[in-house]
């Protein structure tokens, strides 16, 4: 088990890294030991959501400078261990670029965030499950459309509306058949318990790699996420950090 101490200007946070996500664990340890994070800021803070850091460009960054694009020059392959590892309050997760430019959902080489989030009512989680099921269907349908793009373009060129409608009906039927064989998107009892009592950000589950959790210092995370921010969600008063590996 590996623990890393994050010393901040607001207090001390100790995170435990998961062995189930070895690439992220080893990378975080490497950067912490090298002093990569020392002097960087929690450059993006959103109340009732999360606190984010790890951008090397934040070191000695003047007020007003937009941050969030820096890194070590590489990404880390996604390591989704879901639903075992999820975005409960205190989860340590890897930031990344959006799906449109990062379809494999690879993580930033250095940027991370610690979840705060909020608590949810059971019916809110049920609604979220329905939304996830709709998103799953949409993703399957979009994939089928992409695979049939040449045929679709040919039908359009020929102004074959009947053919287009027939193909659409066929793809919808294929989508429903495919989704019926896939695991139904639903939260586990452990997730429901955490999200209805402790809190978190369930809408990020299985989208970003969770690779650790806060073992102590959650009150420091709370203090940071409550701090006043300026444009770009950057705290008005810089919150810097240093890191040290305290146990392996």
C-alpha atoms as a PDB file:
ATOM      1  CA  UNK A   1       0.000   0.000   0.000  1.00  0.00           C
ATOM      2  CA  UNK A   2       1.365   3.411  -0.964  1.00  0.00           C
ATOM      3  CA  UNK A   3       0.477   6.695   0.690  1.00  0.00           C
ATOM      4  CA  UNK A   4       1.399  10.188  -0.421  1.00  0.00           C
ATOM      5  CA  UNK A   5       1.262  13.288   1.739  1.00  0.00           C
ATOM      6  CA  UNK A   6       0.073  16.434  -0.010  1.00  0.00           C
ATOM      7  CA  UNK A   7       1.219  19.414   2.038  1.00  0.00           C
ATOM      8  CA  UNK A   8      -0.856  22.468   1.156  1.00  0.00           C
ATOM      9  CA  UNK A   9      -1.013  26.027   2.388  1.00  0.00           C
ATOM     10  CA  UNK A  10      -4.379  25.055   3.914  1.00  0.00           C
ATOM     11  CA  UNK A  11      -3.240  21.885   5.666  1.00  0.00           C
ATOM     12  CA  UNK A  12      -2.174  18.294   5.059  1.00  0.00           C
ATOM     13  CA  UNK A  13      -3.921  15.665   2.929  1.00  0.00           C
ATOM     14  CA  UNK A  14      -2.823  12.027   2.902  1.00  0.00           C
ATOM     15  CA  UNK A  15      -3.967   9.930  -0.045  1.00  0.00           C
ATOM     16  CA  UNK A  16      -3.816   6.164  -0.414  1.00  0.00           C
ATOM     17  CA  UNK A  17      -3.066   4.908  -3.934  1.00  0.00           C
ATOM     18  CA  UNK A  18      -4.869   1.849  -5.271  1.00  0.00           C
ATOM     19  CA  UNK A  19      -2.891  -1.195  -6.373  1.00  0.00           C
ATOM     20  CA  UNK A  20      -5.720  -1.952  -8.836  1.00  0.00           C
ATOM     21  CA  UNK A  21      -4.529   0.992 -10.973  1.00  0.00           C
ATOM     22  CA  UNK A  22      -0.764   0.324 -11.148  1.00  0.00           C
ATOM     23  CA  UNK A  23       0.068   2.650 -14.064  1.00  0.00           C
ATOM     24  CA  UNK A  24      -1.460   5.644 -12.322  1.00  0.00           C
ATOM     25  CA  UNK A  25      -0.051   4.612  -8.940  1.00  0.00           C
ATOM     26  CA  UNK A  26       3.503   4.270 -10.231  1.00  0.00           C
ATOM     27  CA  UNK A  27       3.329   7.491 -12.244  1.00  0.00           C
ATOM     28  CA  UNK A  28       2.032   9.488  -9.273  1.00  0.00           C
ATOM     29  CA  UNK A  29       4.768   8.073  -7.032  1.00  0.00           C
ATOM     30  CA  UNK A  30       7.444   8.860  -9.628  1.00  0.00           C
ATOM     31  CA  UNK A  31       6.346  12.476 -10.026  1.00  0.00           C
ATOM     32  CA  UNK A  32       5.976  12.977  -6.274  1.00  0.00           C
ATOM     33  CA  UNK A  33       9.487  11.630  -5.615  1.00  0.00           C
ATOM     34  CA  UNK A  34      10.949  13.818  -8.364  1.00  0.00           C
ATOM     35  CA  UNK A  35       9.402  16.936  -6.834  1.00  0.00           C
ATOM     36  CA  UNK A  36       7.316  17.531  -9.958  1.00  0.00           C
ATOM     37  CA  UNK A  37       4.350  18.774  -7.919  1.00  0.00           C
ATOM     38  CA  UNK A  38       6.293  20.942  -5.494  1.00  0.00           C
ATOM     39  CA  UNK A  39       5.258  24.556  -5.908  1.00  0.00           C
ATOM     40  CA  UNK A  40       2.271  23.781  -8.148  1.00  0.00           C
ATOM     41  CA  UNK A  41      -1.193  25.086  -7.310  1.00  0.00           C
ATOM     42  CA  UNK A  42      -4.681  23.787  -6.928  1.00  0.00           C
ATOM     43  CA  UNK A  43      -5.476  25.792 -10.025  1.00  0.00           C
ATOM     44  CA  UNK A  44      -9.125  24.763 -10.552  1.00  0.00           C
ATOM     45  CA  UNK A  45     -11.537  24.665  -7.656  1.00  0.00           C
ATOM     46  CA  UNK A  46     -15.309  24.268  -7.967  1.00  0.00           C
ATOM     47  CA  UNK A  47     -17.465  24.297  -4.840  1.00  0.00           C
ATOM     48  CA  UNK A  48     -19.493  21.126  -4.278  1.00  0.00           C
ATOM     49  CA  UNK A  49     -17.553  19.431  -7.088  1.00  0.00           C
ATOM     50  CA  UNK A  50     -13.785  18.983  -6.809  1.00  0.00           C
ATOM     51  CA  UNK A  51     -10.321  20.509  -6.417  1.00  0.00           C
ATOM     52  CA  UNK A  52      -7.789  20.046  -9.240  1.00  0.00           C
ATOM     53  CA  UNK A  53      -4.018  20.426  -9.401  1.00  0.00           C
ATOM     54  CA  UNK A  54      -0.904  19.077 -11.087  1.00  0.00           C
ATOM     55  CA  UNK A  55      -0.333  21.628 -13.863  1.00  0.00           C
ATOM     56  CA  UNK A  56       3.412  22.446 -13.936  1.00  0.00           C
ATOM     57  CA  UNK A  57       2.564  25.788 -15.561  1.00  0.00           C
ATOM     58  CA  UNK A  58       0.982  26.851 -12.278  1.00  0.00           C
ATOM     59  CA  UNK A  59       4.352  27.227 -10.571  1.00  0.00           C
ATOM     60  CA  UNK A  60       4.859  30.936  -9.882  1.00  0.00           C
ATOM     61  CA  UNK A  61       1.950  31.687 -12.210  1.00  0.00           C
ATOM     62  CA  UNK A  62       0.968  35.376 -12.115  1.00  0.00           C
ATOM     63  CA  UNK A  63      -2.569  36.294 -11.130  1.00  0.00           C
ATOM     64  CA  UNK A  64      -5.014  35.999 -14.006  1.00  0.00           C
ATOM     65  CA  UNK A  65      -2.959  33.482 -15.978  1.00  0.00           C
ATOM     66  CA  UNK A  66      -5.173  30.749 -17.436  1.00  0.00           C
ATOM     67  CA  UNK A  67      -4.049  27.329 -16.262  1.00  0.00           C
ATOM     68  CA  UNK A  68      -4.946  23.710 -16.890  1.00  0.00           C
ATOM     69  CA  UNK A  69      -3.159  22.733 -20.100  1.00  0.00           C
ATOM     70  CA  UNK A  70       0.253  21.768 -18.723  1.00  0.00           C
ATOM     71  CA  UNK A  71       1.668  18.314 -18.121  1.00  0.00           C
ATOM     72  CA  UNK A  72       4.814  16.182 -18.297  1.00  0.00           C
ATOM     73  CA  UNK A  73       4.487  15.572 -22.045  1.00  0.00           C
ATOM     74  CA  UNK A  74       2.749  12.189 -21.947  1.00  0.00           C
ATOM     75  CA  UNK A  75      -0.568  10.605 -21.038  1.00  0.00           C
ATOM     76  CA  UNK A  76      -1.396   7.519 -18.971  1.00  0.00           C
ATOM     77  CA  UNK A  77      -3.661   4.782 -20.411  1.00  0.00           C
ATOM     78  CA  UNK A  78      -7.086   4.665 -18.776  1.00  0.00           C
ATOM     79  CA  UNK A  79      -7.471   2.172 -15.924  1.00  0.00           C
ATOM     80  CA  UNK A  80     -11.184   1.918 -15.223  1.00  0.00           C
ATOM     81  CA  UNK A  81     -11.851  -0.526 -12.385  1.00  0.00           C
ATOM     82  CA  UNK A  82     -15.585   0.004 -12.307  1.00  0.00           C
ATOM     83  CA  UNK A  83     -17.807  -0.284 -10.349  1.00  0.00           C
ATOM     84  CA  UNK A  84     -15.295  -1.222  -7.652  1.00  0.00           C
ATOM     85  CA  UNK A  85     -13.555   2.168  -7.800  1.00  0.00           C
ATOM     86  CA  UNK A  86     -15.901   5.114  -8.108  1.00  0.00           C
ATOM     87  CA  UNK A  87     -16.189   8.858  -7.500  1.00  0.00           C
ATOM     88  CA  UNK A  88     -17.176   8.955  -3.838  1.00  0.00           C
ATOM     89  CA  UNK A  89     -16.199  11.984  -1.785  1.00  0.00           C
ATOM     90  CA  UNK A  90     -12.429  11.949  -1.300  1.00  0.00           C
ATOM     91  CA  UNK A  91     -11.690   9.937  -4.437  1.00  0.00           C
ATOM     92  CA  UNK A  92      -8.387  10.770  -6.142  1.00  0.00           C
ATOM     93  CA  UNK A  93      -8.846  10.772  -9.909  1.00  0.00           C
ATOM     94  CA  UNK A  94      -6.931  11.661 -13.042  1.00  0.00           C
ATOM     95  CA  UNK A  95      -7.939  14.653 -15.156  1.00  0.00           C
ATOM     96  CA  UNK A  96      -7.975  14.280 -18.935  1.00  0.00           C
ATOM     97  CA  UNK A  97      -8.921  15.890 -22.214  1.00  0.00           C
ATOM     98  CA  UNK A  98     -12.446  15.448 -23.562  1.00  0.00           C
ATOM     99  CA  UNK A  99     -13.703  12.485 -25.567  1.00  0.00           C
ATOM    100  CA  UNK A 100     -13.757  14.412 -28.846  1.00  0.00           C
ATOM    101  CA  UNK A 101      -9.943  14.635 -28.885  1.00  0.00           C
ATOM    102  CA  UNK A 102      -9.285  11.729 -26.521  1.00  0.00           C
ATOM    103  CA  UNK A 103     -11.578   8.815 -27.437  1.00  0.00           C
ATOM    104  CA  UNK A 104      -9.497   6.339 -25.412  1.00  0.00           C
ATOM    105  CA  UNK A 105      -9.984   8.545 -22.325  1.00  0.00           C
ATOM    106  CA  UNK A 106      -6.289   8.539 -21.517  1.00  0.00           C
ATOM    107  CA  UNK A 107      -5.355  10.451 -18.382  1.00  0.00           C
ATOM    108  CA  UNK A 108      -3.227  13.560 -18.087  1.00  0.00           C
ATOM    109  CA  UNK A 109       0.311  12.618 -17.144  1.00  0.00           C
ATOM    110  CA  UNK A 110       0.171  14.765 -14.013  1.00  0.00           C
ATOM    111  CA  UNK A 111      -3.118  16.574 -13.436  1.00  0.00           C
ATOM    112  CA  UNK A 112      -5.433  15.103 -10.827  1.00  0.00           C
ATOM    113  CA  UNK A 113      -8.500  16.049  -8.860  1.00  0.00           C
ATOM    114  CA  UNK A 114      -9.961  15.172  -5.471  1.00  0.00           C
ATOM    115  CA  UNK A 115     -13.724  14.729  -5.399  1.00  0.00           C
ATOM    116  CA  UNK A 116     -16.028  16.622  -3.077  1.00  0.00           C
ATOM    117  CA  UNK A 117     -19.403  16.492  -4.827  1.00  0.00           C
ATOM    118  CA  UNK A 118     -22.724  16.330  -3.010  1.00  0.00           C
ATOM    119  CA  UNK A 119     -25.155  13.782  -1.589  1.00  0.00           C
ATOM    120  CA  UNK A 120     -27.985  12.440  -3.748  1.00  0.00           C
ATOM    121  CA  UNK A 121     -31.480  11.160  -3.077  1.00  0.00           C
ATOM    122  CA  UNK A 122     -32.187   7.573  -4.230  1.00  0.00           C
ATOM    123  CA  UNK A 123     -34.622   8.823  -6.881  1.00  0.00           C
ATOM    124  CA  UNK A 124     -31.946  11.131  -8.275  1.00  0.00           C
ATOM    125  CA  UNK A 125     -29.645   8.137  -8.747  1.00  0.00           C
ATOM    126  CA  UNK A 126     -32.475   6.224 -10.467  1.00  0.00           C
ATOM    127  CA  UNK A 127     -32.936   9.120 -12.877  1.00  0.00           C
ATOM    128  CA  UNK A 128     -29.193   9.106 -13.512  1.00  0.00           C
ATOM    129  CA  UNK A 129     -29.346   5.383 -14.305  1.00  0.00           C
ATOM    130  CA  UNK A 130     -32.031   6.065 -16.907  1.00  0.00           C
ATOM    131  CA  UNK A 131     -29.871   8.775 -18.431  1.00  0.00           C
ATOM    132  CA  UNK A 132     -26.881   6.408 -18.533  1.00  0.00           C
ATOM    133  CA  UNK A 133     -28.995   3.803 -20.326  1.00  0.00           C
ATOM    134  CA  UNK A 134     -30.005   6.418 -22.919  1.00  0.00           C
ATOM    135  CA  UNK A 135     -26.383   7.467 -23.360  1.00  0.00           C
ATOM    136  CA  UNK A 136     -25.384   3.823 -23.814  1.00  0.00           C
ATOM    137  CA  UNK A 137     -27.985   3.406 -26.569  1.00  0.00           C
ATOM    138  CA  UNK A 138     -26.846   6.621 -28.246  1.00  0.00           C
ATOM    139  CA  UNK A 139     -23.204   5.495 -28.236  1.00  0.00           C
ATOM    140  CA  UNK A 140     -24.106   2.129 -29.794  1.00  0.00           C
ATOM    141  CA  UNK A 141     -26.307   3.816 -32.406  1.00  0.00           C
ATOM    142  CA  UNK A 142     -23.590   6.362 -33.287  1.00  0.00           C
ATOM    143  CA  UNK A 143     -21.077   3.543 -33.732  1.00  0.00           C
ATOM    144  CA  UNK A 144     -23.437   1.734 -36.121  1.00  0.00           C
ATOM    145  CA  UNK A 145     -24.031   4.944 -38.052  1.00  0.00           C
ATOM    146  CA  UNK A 146     -20.273   5.446 -38.425  1.00  0.00           C
ATOM    147  CA  UNK A 147     -19.894   1.875 -39.690  1.00  0.00           C
ATOM    148  CA  UNK A 148     -22.629   2.468 -42.288  1.00  0.00           C
ATOM    149  CA  UNK A 149     -21.590   5.979 -43.287  1.00  0.00           C
ATOM    150  CA  UNK A 150     -20.707   5.048 -46.882  1.00  0.00           C
ATOM    151  CA  UNK A 151     -24.094   3.402 -47.387  1.00  0.00           C
ATOM    152  CA  UNK A 152     -25.882   6.381 -45.824  1.00  0.00           C
ATOM    153  CA  UNK A 153     -24.058   8.838 -48.081  1.00  0.00           C
ATOM    154  CA  UNK A 154     -24.910   6.745 -51.140  1.00  0.00           C
ATOM    155  CA  UNK A 155     -28.609   6.709 -50.208  1.00  0.00           C
ATOM    156  CA  UNK A 156     -28.535  10.470 -49.687  1.00  0.00           C
ATOM    157  CA  UNK A 157     -26.881  11.090 -53.041  1.00  0.00           C
ATOM    158  CA  UNK A 158     -29.619   9.029 -54.685  1.00  0.00           C
ATOM    159  CA  UNK A 159     -32.307  10.864 -52.662  1.00  0.00           C
ATOM    160  CA  UNK A 160     -33.564   7.478 -51.548  1.00  0.00           C
ATOM    161  CA  UNK A 161     -35.717   8.493 -48.554  1.00  0.00           C
ATOM    162  CA  UNK A 162     -37.371   5.082 -48.298  1.00  0.00           C
ATOM    163  CA  UNK A 163     -33.974   3.406 -48.217  1.00  0.00           C
ATOM    164  CA  UNK A 164     -32.732   5.822 -45.552  1.00  0.00           C
ATOM    165  CA  UNK A 165     -35.784   5.163 -43.390  1.00  0.00           C
ATOM    166  CA  UNK A 166     -35.371   1.406 -43.796  1.00  0.00           C
ATOM    167  CA  UNK A 167     -31.696   1.610 -42.809  1.00  0.00           C
ATOM    168  CA  UNK A 168     -32.502   3.809 -39.823  1.00  0.00           C
ATOM    169  CA  UNK A 169     -35.099   1.328 -38.582  1.00  0.00           C
ATOM    170  CA  UNK A 170     -32.581  -1.473 -39.055  1.00  0.00           C
ATOM    171  CA  UNK A 171     -29.898   0.382 -37.053  1.00  0.00           C
ATOM    172  CA  UNK A 172     -32.349   1.166 -34.255  1.00  0.00           C
ATOM    173  CA  UNK A 173     -33.288  -2.518 -34.052  1.00  0.00           C
ATOM    174  CA  UNK A 174     -29.598  -3.483 -33.977  1.00  0.00           C
ATOM    175  CA  UNK A 175     -28.984  -0.901 -31.250  1.00  0.00           C
ATOM    176  CA  UNK A 176     -31.730  -2.292 -29.022  1.00  0.00           C
ATOM    177  CA  UNK A 177     -30.563  -5.869 -29.596  1.00  0.00           C
ATOM    178  CA  UNK A 178     -26.956  -4.951 -28.754  1.00  0.00           C
ATOM    179  CA  UNK A 179     -27.913  -3.008 -25.628  1.00  0.00           C
ATOM    180  CA  UNK A 180     -30.112  -5.857 -24.384  1.00  0.00           C
ATOM    181  CA  UNK A 181     -26.987  -8.034 -24.228  1.00  0.00           C
ATOM    182  CA  UNK A 182     -24.905  -5.384 -22.422  1.00  0.00           C
ATOM    183  CA  UNK A 183     -24.804  -4.936 -18.626  1.00  0.00           C
ATOM    184  CA  UNK A 184     -27.590  -2.609 -17.531  1.00  0.00           C
ATOM    185  CA  UNK A 185     -26.210   0.724 -16.295  1.00  0.00           C
ATOM    186  CA  UNK A 186     -27.029   0.781 -12.602  1.00  0.00           C
ATOM    187  CA  UNK A 187     -25.290   1.712  -9.393  1.00  0.00           C
ATOM    188  CA  UNK A 188     -24.137  -1.003  -6.996  1.00  0.00           C
ATOM    189  CA  UNK A 189     -25.411  -1.053  -3.382  1.00  0.00           C
ATOM    190  CA  UNK A 190     -21.975   0.277  -2.336  1.00  0.00           C
ATOM    191  CA  UNK A 191     -22.294   3.226  -4.700  1.00  0.00           C
ATOM    192  CA  UNK A 192     -25.843   3.989  -3.610  1.00  0.00           C
ATOM    193  CA  UNK A 193     -24.772   3.901   0.032  1.00  0.00           C
ATOM    194  CA  UNK A 194     -21.834   6.241  -0.597  1.00  0.00           C
ATOM    195  CA  UNK A 195     -23.646   8.684  -2.850  1.00  0.00           C
ATOM    196  CA  UNK A 196     -26.691   8.996  -0.564  1.00  0.00           C
ATOM    197  CA  UNK A 197     -24.725   9.367   2.676  1.00  0.00           C
ATOM    198  CA  UNK A 198     -21.153  10.584   2.048  1.00  0.00           C
ATOM    199  CA  UNK A 199     -21.548  12.197  -1.369  1.00  0.00           C
ATOM    200  CA  UNK A 200     -19.533  12.331  -4.569  1.00  0.00           C
ATOM    201  CA  UNK A 201     -19.828  12.852  -8.316  1.00  0.00           C
ATOM    202  CA  UNK A 202     -21.540   9.755  -9.785  1.00  0.00           C
ATOM    203  CA  UNK A 203     -21.840  11.301 -13.246  1.00  0.00           C
ATOM    204  CA  UNK A 204     -18.051  10.954 -13.632  1.00  0.00           C
ATOM    205  CA  UNK A 205     -18.030   7.208 -12.960  1.00  0.00           C
ATOM    206  CA  UNK A 206     -16.434   5.036 -15.637  1.00  0.00           C
ATOM    207  CA  UNK A 207     -15.402   8.220 -17.476  1.00  0.00           C
ATOM    208  CA  UNK A 208     -12.253   9.190 -15.572  1.00  0.00           C
ATOM    209  CA  UNK A 209      -9.728   6.925 -13.835  1.00  0.00           C
ATOM    210  CA  UNK A 210     -10.070   6.746 -10.042  1.00  0.00           C
ATOM    211  CA  UNK A 211      -6.697   5.715  -8.621  1.00  0.00           C
ATOM    212  CA  UNK A 212      -6.774   6.542  -4.910  1.00  0.00           C
ATOM    213  CA  UNK A 213      -8.642   8.148  -2.052  1.00  0.00           C
ATOM    214  CA  UNK A 214      -8.121  10.562   0.804  1.00  0.00           C
ATOM    215  CA  UNK A 215      -7.218   8.702   3.977  1.00  0.00           C
ATOM    216  CA  UNK A 216      -6.941  11.785   6.168  1.00  0.00           C
ATOM    217  CA  UNK A 217      -7.338  15.510   5.622  1.00  0.00           C
ATOM    218  CA  UNK A 218     -10.810  15.539   4.083  1.00  0.00           C
ATOM    219  CA  UNK A 219     -11.473  18.677   6.128  1.00  0.00           C
ATOM    220  CA  UNK A 220      -8.641  20.337   4.184  1.00  0.00           C
ATOM    221  CA  UNK A 221     -10.276  19.330   0.897  1.00  0.00           C
ATOM    222  CA  UNK A 222     -13.514  20.870   2.186  1.00  0.00           C
ATOM    223  CA  UNK A 223     -11.739  24.086   3.084  1.00  0.00           C
ATOM    224  CA  UNK A 224     -10.094  24.314  -0.340  1.00  0.00           C
ATOM    225  CA  UNK A 225     -13.313  23.604  -2.257  1.00  0.00           C
ATOM    226  CA  UNK A 226     -14.989  26.416  -0.320  1.00  0.00           C
ATOM    227  CA  UNK A 227     -12.329  28.976  -1.223  1.00  0.00           C
ATOM    228  CA  UNK A 228     -13.240  32.070  -3.247  1.00  0.00           C
ATOM    229  CA  UNK A 229     -12.331  31.785  -6.929  1.00  0.00           C
ATOM    230  CA  UNK A 230     -11.751  34.129  -9.856  1.00  0.00           C
ATOM    231  CA  UNK A 231     -12.075  33.498 -13.611  1.00  0.00           C
ATOM    232  CA  UNK A 232     -11.209  29.997 -14.764  1.00  0.00           C
ATOM    233  CA  UNK A 233     -12.150  28.677 -11.302  1.00  0.00           C
ATOM    234  CA  UNK A 234      -8.708  29.611 -10.005  1.00  0.00           C
ATOM    235  CA  UNK A 235      -8.601  30.449  -6.287  1.00  0.00           C
ATOM    236  CA  UNK A 236      -8.166  34.171  -5.644  1.00  0.00           C
ATOM    237  CA  UNK A 237      -5.489  33.296  -3.093  1.00  0.00           C
ATOM    238  CA  UNK A 238      -2.978  30.758  -4.392  1.00  0.00           C
ATOM    239  CA  UNK A 239      -3.117  27.334  -2.731  1.00  0.00           C
ATOM    240  CA  UNK A 240       0.235  25.658  -3.353  1.00  0.00           C
ATOM    241  CA  UNK A 241       1.427  22.157  -2.579  1.00  0.00           C
ATOM    242  CA  UNK A 242       4.402  19.906  -2.051  1.00  0.00           C
ATOM    243  CA  UNK A 243       4.299  16.111  -2.017  1.00  0.00           C
ATOM    244  CA  UNK A 244       6.167  13.305  -0.359  1.00  0.00           C
ATOM    245  CA  UNK A 245       5.743   9.537  -0.444  1.00  0.00           C
ATOM    246  CA  UNK A 246       5.244   8.516   3.186  1.00  0.00           C
ATOM    247  CA  UNK A 247       4.601   4.772   2.952  1.00  0.00           C
ATOM    248  CA  UNK A 248       5.104   1.988   0.388  1.00  0.00           C
END
